[in-house]
Amino acid sequence: MEIATKKQGGAMVVSVTGRIDAVTAPEFEKGLSAVIAAGDTVLLLDMNGLEYISSAGLRSILTTAKQLKAKEGKMLFSGLKGPVKDVFKISGFGSIFKIFETEEEALRQL
């Protein structure tokens, strides 16, 4: 798993590639916590390069969402595809979070 961040359009865009599973979820969560600790409260998670996410990854997302809620922030998602999109749909994350097809579309909604 790799995480890259860039500030764009009032949001911190966090691009994730590879897999988020029981092994990589703690690192993923720690990376997002660091972004929030640095003062960013609007996160756009670009999942275009994500191939797989496990329940541990979903738990990390929920933990981060709780941190953001406490700071009146928000989390958006873009680029979900294949099995990752299916997991979001089945888990109900699609009704909890705002999900967009592209990063540009998500940034326009801010």
C-alpha atoms as a PDB file:
ATOM      1  CA  MET A   1       0.000   0.000   0.000  1.00  0.00           C
ATOM      2  CA  GLU A   2       1.145   3.494  -0.828  1.00  0.00           C
ATOM      3  CA  ILE A   3      -0.310   6.808   0.314  1.00  0.00           C
ATOM      4  CA  ALA A   4       0.307  10.140  -1.412  1.00  0.00           C
ATOM      5  CA  THR A   5      -1.131  13.480  -0.305  1.00  0.00           C
ATOM      6  CA  LYS A   6      -1.625  16.800  -2.060  1.00  0.00           C
ATOM      7  CA  LYS A   7      -3.525  19.936  -1.137  1.00  0.00           C
ATOM      8  CA  GLN A   8      -6.085  20.821  -3.786  1.00  0.00           C
ATOM      9  CA  GLY A   9      -9.217  22.946  -3.913  1.00  0.00           C
ATOM     10  CA  GLY A  10      -9.720  23.287  -0.170  1.00  0.00           C
ATOM     11  CA  ALA A  11      -9.206  19.599   0.525  1.00  0.00           C
ATOM     12  CA  MET A  12      -6.331  17.299   1.305  1.00  0.00           C
ATOM     13  CA  VAL A  13      -6.408  14.661  -1.430  1.00  0.00           C
ATOM     14  CA  VAL A  14      -5.153  11.322  -0.151  1.00  0.00           C
ATOM     15  CA  SER A  15      -4.403   8.870  -2.968  1.00  0.00           C
ATOM     16  CA  VAL A  16      -4.224   5.233  -1.921  1.00  0.00           C
ATOM     17  CA  THR A  17      -2.800   2.462  -4.101  1.00  0.00           C
ATOM     18  CA  GLY A  18      -2.454  -1.256  -3.480  1.00  0.00           C
ATOM     19  CA  ARG A  19      -4.315  -3.049  -0.696  1.00  0.00           C
ATOM     20  CA  ILE A  20      -5.720  -2.040   2.672  1.00  0.00           C
ATOM     21  CA  ASP A  21      -5.912  -5.180   4.801  1.00  0.00           C
ATOM     22  CA  ALA A  22      -5.170  -6.265   8.378  1.00  0.00           C
ATOM     23  CA  VAL A  23      -1.445  -5.692   7.793  1.00  0.00           C
ATOM     24  CA  THR A  24      -1.626  -2.253   6.153  1.00  0.00           C
ATOM     25  CA  ALA A  25      -4.738  -0.779   7.855  1.00  0.00           C
ATOM     26  CA  PRO A  26      -2.845   0.509  10.935  1.00  0.00           C
ATOM     27  CA  GLU A  27      -0.373   2.350   8.682  1.00  0.00           C
ATOM     28  CA  PHE A  28      -3.283   3.748   6.625  1.00  0.00           C
ATOM     29  CA  GLU A  29      -5.063   4.943   9.771  1.00  0.00           C
ATOM     30  CA  LYS A  30      -1.869   6.470  11.176  1.00  0.00           C
ATOM     31  CA  GLY A  31      -1.302   8.350   7.909  1.00  0.00           C
ATOM     32  CA  LEU A  32      -4.820   9.797   7.929  1.00  0.00           C
ATOM     33  CA  SER A  33      -4.510  10.747  11.619  1.00  0.00           C
ATOM     34  CA  ALA A  34      -1.295  12.623  10.820  1.00  0.00           C
ATOM     35  CA  VAL A  35      -3.079  14.590   8.090  1.00  0.00           C
ATOM     36  CA  ILE A  36      -5.864  15.529  10.526  1.00  0.00           C
ATOM     37  CA  ALA A  37      -3.344  16.399  13.267  1.00  0.00           C
ATOM     38  CA  ALA A  38      -1.670  18.762  10.797  1.00  0.00           C
ATOM     39  CA  GLY A  39      -4.946  20.704  10.633  1.00  0.00           C
ATOM     40  CA  ASP A  40      -6.660  19.343   7.535  1.00  0.00           C
ATOM     41  CA  THR A  41     -10.332  18.593   8.165  1.00  0.00           C
ATOM     42  CA  VAL A  42     -11.576  18.011   4.614  1.00  0.00           C
ATOM     43  CA  LEU A  43     -10.216  14.753   3.214  1.00  0.00           C
ATOM     44  CA  LEU A  44     -10.812  13.386  -0.264  1.00  0.00           C
ATOM     45  CA  LEU A  45      -9.708   9.775  -0.473  1.00  0.00           C
ATOM     46  CA  ASP A  46      -8.855   8.937  -4.075  1.00  0.00           C
ATOM     47  CA  MET A  47      -9.219   5.154  -4.287  1.00  0.00           C
ATOM     48  CA  ASN A  48      -8.467   4.907  -8.007  1.00  0.00           C
ATOM     49  CA  GLY A  49      -5.379   2.754  -7.400  1.00  0.00           C
ATOM     50  CA  LEU A  50      -6.864   0.668  -4.583  1.00  0.00           C
ATOM     51  CA  GLU A  51      -7.243  -3.000  -5.528  1.00  0.00           C
ATOM     52  CA  TYR A  52      -8.605  -4.422  -2.263  1.00  0.00           C
ATOM     53  CA  ILE A  53      -9.997  -3.308   1.103  1.00  0.00           C
ATOM     54  CA  SER A  54     -10.770  -5.591   4.047  1.00  0.00           C
ATOM     55  CA  SER A  55     -12.949  -5.042   7.096  1.00  0.00           C
ATOM     56  CA  ALA A  56      -9.834  -3.744   8.874  1.00  0.00           C
ATOM     57  CA  GLY A  57      -9.578  -1.039   6.211  1.00  0.00           C
ATOM     58  CA  LEU A  58     -13.244  -0.152   6.622  1.00  0.00           C
ATOM     59  CA  ARG A  59     -12.721   0.097  10.383  1.00  0.00           C
ATOM     60  CA  SER A  60      -9.804   2.502   9.794  1.00  0.00           C
ATOM     61  CA  ILE A  61     -12.057   4.667   7.636  1.00  0.00           C
ATOM     62  CA  LEU A  62     -14.726   4.765  10.348  1.00  0.00           C
ATOM     63  CA  THR A  63     -12.156   5.657  13.014  1.00  0.00           C
ATOM     64  CA  THR A  64     -10.886   8.505  10.840  1.00  0.00           C
ATOM     65  CA  ALA A  65     -14.447   9.670  10.131  1.00  0.00           C
ATOM     66  CA  LYS A  66     -15.071   9.907  13.891  1.00  0.00           C
ATOM     67  CA  GLN A  67     -11.916  12.028  14.314  1.00  0.00           C
ATOM     68  CA  LEU A  68     -13.091  14.327  11.525  1.00  0.00           C
ATOM     69  CA  LYS A  69     -16.614  14.594  12.932  1.00  0.00           C
ATOM     70  CA  ALA A  70     -15.187  15.798  16.260  1.00  0.00           C
ATOM     71  CA  LYS A  71     -13.434  18.592  14.330  1.00  0.00           C
ATOM     72  CA  GLU A  72     -16.492  19.297  12.144  1.00  0.00           C
ATOM     73  CA  GLY A  73     -14.630  17.990   9.122  1.00  0.00           C
ATOM     74  CA  LYS A  74     -15.690  15.683   6.321  1.00  0.00           C
ATOM     75  CA  MET A  75     -14.461  12.812   4.219  1.00  0.00           C
ATOM     76  CA  LEU A  76     -15.284  12.213   0.572  1.00  0.00           C
ATOM     77  CA  PHE A  77     -14.300   9.388  -1.748  1.00  0.00           C
ATOM     78  CA  SER A  78     -13.534   9.144  -5.458  1.00  0.00           C
ATOM     79  CA  GLY A  79     -12.353   6.554  -7.944  1.00  0.00           C
ATOM     80  CA  LEU A  80     -13.921   3.458  -6.382  1.00  0.00           C
ATOM     81  CA  LYS A  81     -13.926   0.534  -8.786  1.00  0.00           C
ATOM     82  CA  GLY A  82     -14.202  -3.237  -8.971  1.00  0.00           C
ATOM     83  CA  PRO A  83     -14.125  -5.165  -5.694  1.00  0.00           C
ATOM     84  CA  VAL A  84     -13.511  -2.005  -3.633  1.00  0.00           C
ATOM     85  CA  LYS A  85     -16.688  -0.411  -5.014  1.00  0.00           C
ATOM     86  CA  ASP A  86     -18.590  -3.638  -4.259  1.00  0.00           C
ATOM     87  CA  VAL A  87     -17.334  -3.702  -0.655  1.00  0.00           C
ATOM     88  CA  PHE A  88     -18.420  -0.081  -0.143  1.00  0.00           C
ATOM     89  CA  LYS A  89     -21.862  -0.887  -1.567  1.00  0.00           C
ATOM     90  CA  ILE A  90     -22.359  -4.094   0.455  1.00  0.00           C
ATOM     91  CA  SER A  91     -21.081  -2.568   3.709  1.00  0.00           C
ATOM     92  CA  GLY A  92     -23.427   0.419   3.446  1.00  0.00           C
ATOM     93  CA  PHE A  93     -20.557   2.915   3.227  1.00  0.00           C
ATOM     94  CA  GLY A  94     -22.181   4.280   0.078  1.00  0.00           C
ATOM     95  CA  SER A  95     -25.016   5.669   2.195  1.00  0.00           C
ATOM     96  CA  ILE A  96     -22.723   6.980   4.966  1.00  0.00           C
ATOM     97  CA  PHE A  97     -20.156   8.808   2.818  1.00  0.00           C
ATOM     98  CA  LYS A  98     -20.289  10.958  -0.301  1.00  0.00           C
ATOM     99  CA  ILE A  99     -18.773   9.007  -3.184  1.00  0.00           C
ATOM    100  CA  PHE A 100     -17.874  10.517  -6.551  1.00  0.00           C
ATOM    101  CA  GLU A 101     -16.682   9.009  -9.815  1.00  0.00           C
ATOM    102  CA  THR A 102     -13.713  11.360 -10.177  1.00  0.00           C
ATOM    103  CA  GLU A 103     -11.506  13.532  -7.989  1.00  0.00           C
ATOM    104  CA  GLU A 104     -12.522  16.613 -10.002  1.00  0.00           C
ATOM    105  CA  GLU A 105     -16.229  15.937  -9.445  1.00  0.00           C
ATOM    106  CA  ALA A 106     -15.672  15.588  -5.688  1.00  0.00           C
ATOM    107  CA  LEU A 107     -13.650  18.819  -5.496  1.00  0.00           C
ATOM    108  CA  ARG A 108     -16.431  20.712  -7.294  1.00  0.00           C
ATOM    109  CA  GLN A 109     -18.847  19.680  -4.503  1.00  0.00           C
ATOM    110  CA  LEU A 110     -16.815  21.384  -1.765  1.00  0.00           C
END
